[in-house]
């Protein structure tokens, strides 16, 4: 997670696709951070499972959004060349 944050800060890109990709990376790290809670018994395992499911859905949505933003930014039409 720290490496992702450092790379994002050093890159200094502020376009929407980069921001969404960064958010997906952070959301993907969250279940691993919460994982030690599972040693707290049944409730801990339920919390970790819920965070994993919600985090997975968030990463999926962010990845799809990132792909759509990247595709839109590349799909800029070029003006026709004069004959």
N, C-alpha and C. Protein backbone atom coordinates (compact mmCIF):
# COMPACT_ATOMS: atom_id res chain seq x y z
N UNK A 1 0.82 -1.17 0.00
CA UNK A 1 0.00 0.00 0.00
C UNK A 1 0.88 1.26 0.00
N UNK A 2 1.91 1.25 0.81
CA UNK A 2 2.81 2.41 0.87
C UNK A 2 3.51 2.62 -0.47
N UNK A 3 3.87 1.55 -1.15
CA UNK A 3 4.52 1.66 -2.44
C UNK A 3 3.57 2.29 -3.46
N UNK A 4 2.29 1.89 -3.42
CA UNK A 4 1.30 2.45 -4.33
C UNK A 4 1.11 3.93 -4.09
N UNK A 5 1.05 4.33 -2.83
CA UNK A 5 0.88 5.74 -2.50
C UNK A 5 2.10 6.54 -2.96
N UNK A 6 3.29 6.02 -2.70
CA UNK A 6 4.52 6.71 -3.10
C UNK A 6 4.58 6.86 -4.62
N UNK A 7 4.24 5.81 -5.35
CA UNK A 7 4.27 5.88 -6.81
C UNK A 7 3.25 6.87 -7.34
N UNK A 8 2.07 6.91 -6.72
CA UNK A 8 1.03 7.84 -7.15
C UNK A 8 1.47 9.29 -6.92
N UNK A 9 2.07 9.55 -5.77
CA UNK A 9 2.51 10.91 -5.45
C UNK A 9 3.65 11.34 -6.36
N UNK A 10 4.59 10.45 -6.62
CA UNK A 10 5.73 10.79 -7.47
C UNK A 10 5.33 10.97 -8.93
N UNK A 11 4.32 10.23 -9.38
CA UNK A 11 3.88 10.27 -10.77
C UNK A 11 3.25 11.62 -11.12
N UNK A 12 2.54 12.22 -10.20
CA UNK A 12 1.91 13.54 -10.34
C UNK A 12 0.93 13.63 -11.49
N UNK A 13 0.33 12.52 -11.88
CA UNK A 13 -0.73 12.56 -12.89
C UNK A 13 -2.05 12.78 -12.17
N UNK A 14 -2.87 13.65 -12.71
CA UNK A 14 -4.13 13.94 -12.05
C UNK A 14 -5.34 13.67 -12.94
N UNK A 15 -5.18 12.83 -13.95
CA UNK A 15 -6.32 12.52 -14.79
C UNK A 15 -7.24 11.53 -14.08
N UNK A 16 -8.46 11.45 -14.54
CA UNK A 16 -9.48 10.64 -13.87
C UNK A 16 -9.12 9.15 -13.87
N UNK A 17 -8.58 8.64 -14.96
CA UNK A 17 -8.26 7.22 -15.04
C UNK A 17 -7.17 6.84 -14.02
N UNK A 18 -6.18 7.70 -13.84
CA UNK A 18 -5.13 7.43 -12.86
C UNK A 18 -5.70 7.45 -11.45
N UNK A 19 -6.56 8.43 -11.18
CA UNK A 19 -7.17 8.52 -9.85
C UNK A 19 -8.02 7.30 -9.52
N UNK A 20 -8.80 6.84 -10.50
CA UNK A 20 -9.65 5.67 -10.27
C UNK A 20 -8.80 4.41 -10.11
N UNK A 21 -7.75 4.29 -10.88
CA UNK A 21 -6.84 3.15 -10.73
C UNK A 21 -6.18 3.13 -9.36
N UNK A 22 -5.81 4.30 -8.87
CA UNK A 22 -5.22 4.41 -7.54
C UNK A 22 -6.24 4.01 -6.47
N UNK A 23 -7.48 4.45 -6.62
CA UNK A 23 -8.53 4.08 -5.67
C UNK A 23 -8.77 2.57 -5.68
N UNK A 24 -8.71 1.95 -6.84
CA UNK A 24 -8.88 0.50 -6.93
C UNK A 24 -7.74 -0.22 -6.22
N UNK A 25 -6.53 0.30 -6.34
CA UNK A 25 -5.39 -0.30 -5.65
C UNK A 25 -5.55 -0.23 -4.15
N UNK A 26 -5.97 0.94 -3.65
CA UNK A 26 -6.18 1.09 -2.21
C UNK A 26 -7.32 0.20 -1.71
N UNK A 27 -8.41 0.13 -2.48
CA UNK A 27 -9.53 -0.72 -2.09
C UNK A 27 -9.12 -2.20 -2.07
N UNK A 28 -8.23 -2.58 -2.96
CA UNK A 28 -7.75 -3.96 -2.99
C UNK A 28 -6.88 -4.31 -1.79
N UNK A 29 -6.25 -3.31 -1.18
CA UNK A 29 -5.41 -3.54 0.00
C UNK A 29 -6.21 -3.68 1.29
N UNK A 30 -7.41 -3.13 1.31
CA UNK A 30 -8.20 -3.08 2.54
C UNK A 30 -8.48 -4.45 3.17
N UNK A 31 -8.91 -5.47 2.40
CA UNK A 31 -9.16 -6.77 3.04
C UNK A 31 -7.92 -7.36 3.72
N UNK A 32 -6.76 -7.14 3.15
CA UNK A 32 -5.53 -7.63 3.76
C UNK A 32 -5.20 -6.92 5.06
N UNK A 33 -5.55 -5.65 5.13
CA UNK A 33 -5.31 -4.89 6.35
C UNK A 33 -6.25 -5.34 7.47
N UNK A 34 -7.49 -5.64 7.10
CA UNK A 34 -8.51 -6.04 8.08
C UNK A 34 -8.39 -7.52 8.45
N UNK A 35 -7.65 -8.29 7.71
CA UNK A 35 -7.57 -9.74 7.87
C UNK A 35 -7.25 -10.22 9.29
N UNK A 36 -6.38 -9.57 10.07
CA UNK A 36 -6.10 -10.07 11.42
C UNK A 36 -7.31 -10.07 12.36
N UNK A 37 -8.36 -9.35 12.00
CA UNK A 37 -9.58 -9.32 12.82
C UNK A 37 -10.21 -10.72 12.91
N UNK A 38 -9.93 -11.58 11.92
CA UNK A 38 -10.54 -12.91 11.91
C UNK A 38 -10.14 -13.76 13.12
N UNK A 39 -9.06 -13.38 13.78
CA UNK A 39 -8.65 -14.12 14.96
C UNK A 39 -9.51 -13.77 16.18
N UNK A 40 -10.46 -12.85 16.00
CA UNK A 40 -11.34 -12.43 17.09
C UNK A 40 -12.57 -13.30 17.24
N UNK A 41 -12.60 -14.44 16.64
CA UNK A 41 -13.74 -15.34 16.78
C UNK A 41 -14.68 -15.26 15.58
N UNK A 42 -15.90 -15.72 15.80
CA UNK A 42 -16.88 -15.79 14.72
C UNK A 42 -17.22 -14.41 14.17
N UNK A 43 -17.39 -13.45 15.04
CA UNK A 43 -17.71 -12.08 14.59
C UNK A 43 -16.57 -11.52 13.74
N UNK A 44 -15.35 -11.76 14.15
CA UNK A 44 -14.19 -11.30 13.37
C UNK A 44 -14.16 -11.90 11.99
N UNK A 45 -14.47 -13.20 11.89
CA UNK A 45 -14.50 -13.85 10.58
C UNK A 45 -15.61 -13.28 9.70
N UNK A 46 -16.76 -12.96 10.31
CA UNK A 46 -17.85 -12.36 9.55
C UNK A 46 -17.47 -10.96 9.05
N UNK A 47 -16.79 -10.21 9.89
CA UNK A 47 -16.35 -8.86 9.49
C UNK A 47 -15.37 -8.95 8.33
N UNK A 48 -14.42 -9.85 8.43
CA UNK A 48 -13.43 -10.00 7.36
C UNK A 48 -14.11 -10.45 6.07
N UNK A 49 -15.06 -11.36 6.18
CA UNK A 49 -15.79 -11.81 4.99
C UNK A 49 -16.58 -10.68 4.35
N UNK A 50 -17.24 -9.88 5.18
CA UNK A 50 -18.01 -8.76 4.65
C UNK A 50 -17.11 -7.72 3.98
N UNK A 51 -15.99 -7.41 4.62
CA UNK A 51 -15.06 -6.44 4.04
C UNK A 51 -14.49 -6.98 2.73
N UNK A 52 -14.24 -8.27 2.68
CA UNK A 52 -13.70 -8.88 1.47
C UNK A 52 -14.71 -8.80 0.32
N UNK A 53 -15.97 -9.09 0.61
CA UNK A 53 -17.01 -9.05 -0.43
C UNK A 53 -17.22 -7.60 -0.91
N UNK A 54 -17.39 -6.69 0.03
CA UNK A 54 -17.62 -5.29 -0.34
C UNK A 54 -16.39 -4.72 -1.06
N UNK A 55 -15.20 -5.06 -0.57
CA UNK A 55 -13.98 -4.61 -1.24
C UNK A 55 -13.85 -5.17 -2.64
N UNK A 56 -14.23 -6.42 -2.83
CA UNK A 56 -14.19 -7.02 -4.16
C UNK A 56 -15.14 -6.35 -5.13
N UNK A 57 -16.33 -6.03 -4.64
CA UNK A 57 -17.31 -5.34 -5.48
C UNK A 57 -16.80 -3.94 -5.83
N UNK A 58 -16.22 -3.26 -4.85
CA UNK A 58 -15.68 -1.91 -5.09
C UNK A 58 -14.55 -1.95 -6.10
N UNK A 59 -13.64 -2.91 -5.96
CA UNK A 59 -12.52 -3.02 -6.90
C UNK A 59 -13.04 -3.34 -8.30
N UNK A 60 -14.04 -4.19 -8.39
CA UNK A 60 -14.63 -4.52 -9.69
C UNK A 60 -15.22 -3.28 -10.34
N UNK A 61 -16.00 -2.52 -9.59
CA UNK A 61 -16.62 -1.31 -10.13
C UNK A 61 -15.57 -0.28 -10.53
N UNK A 62 -14.54 -0.12 -9.70
CA UNK A 62 -13.49 0.84 -10.01
C UNK A 62 -12.67 0.41 -11.23
N UNK A 63 -12.43 -0.88 -11.38
CA UNK A 63 -11.68 -1.37 -12.53
C UNK A 63 -12.46 -1.17 -13.82
N UNK A 64 -13.76 -1.43 -13.78
CA UNK A 64 -14.60 -1.20 -14.96
C UNK A 64 -14.62 0.28 -15.30
N UNK A 65 -14.76 1.13 -14.29
CA UNK A 65 -14.75 2.58 -14.51
C UNK A 65 -13.42 3.03 -15.10
N UNK A 66 -12.33 2.50 -14.58
CA UNK A 66 -11.00 2.83 -15.09
C UNK A 66 -10.88 2.43 -16.56
N UNK A 67 -11.36 1.26 -16.91
CA UNK A 67 -11.30 0.80 -18.29
C UNK A 67 -12.13 1.69 -19.21
N UNK A 68 -13.30 2.10 -18.73
CA UNK A 68 -14.15 2.98 -19.53
C UNK A 68 -13.51 4.35 -19.72
N UNK A 69 -12.93 4.89 -18.66
CA UNK A 69 -12.26 6.20 -18.77
C UNK A 69 -11.06 6.13 -19.70
N UNK A 70 -10.29 5.06 -19.61
CA UNK A 70 -9.12 4.91 -20.46
C UNK A 70 -9.54 4.76 -21.92
N UNK A 71 -10.60 4.01 -22.17
CA UNK A 71 -11.08 3.82 -23.53
C UNK A 71 -11.61 5.13 -24.10
N UNK A 72 -12.34 5.89 -23.28
CA UNK A 72 -12.86 7.18 -23.75
C UNK A 72 -11.75 8.16 -24.07
N UNK A 73 -10.71 8.17 -23.25
CA UNK A 73 -9.63 9.12 -23.50
C UNK A 73 -8.83 8.76 -24.75
N UNK A 74 -8.82 7.49 -25.11
CA UNK A 74 -8.10 7.07 -26.32
C UNK A 74 -8.96 7.18 -27.56
N UNK A 75 -10.28 7.29 -27.40
CA UNK A 75 -11.19 7.28 -28.52
C UNK A 75 -11.44 8.68 -29.08
N UNK A 76 -10.57 9.61 -28.79
CA UNK A 76 -10.73 10.96 -29.30
C UNK A 76 -10.54 10.92 -30.81
N UNK A 77 -11.51 11.44 -31.53
CA UNK A 77 -11.40 11.39 -32.98
C UNK A 77 -10.44 12.47 -33.49
N UNK A 78 -9.75 12.15 -34.54
CA UNK A 78 -8.84 13.10 -35.16
C UNK A 78 -9.55 13.78 -36.31
N UNK A 79 -9.27 15.03 -36.51
CA UNK A 79 -9.95 15.72 -37.61
C UNK A 79 -9.51 15.15 -38.96
N UNK A 80 -10.40 15.18 -39.93
CA UNK A 80 -10.03 14.64 -41.26
C UNK A 80 -8.94 15.51 -41.91
N UNK A 81 -8.12 14.86 -42.67
CA UNK A 81 -7.05 15.59 -43.37
C UNK A 81 -7.61 16.17 -44.66
N UNK A 82 -7.23 17.40 -44.97
CA UNK A 82 -7.72 17.99 -46.22
C UNK A 82 -7.15 17.29 -47.44
N UNK A 83 -7.96 17.17 -48.46
CA UNK A 83 -7.53 16.47 -49.68
C UNK A 83 -6.85 17.35 -50.66
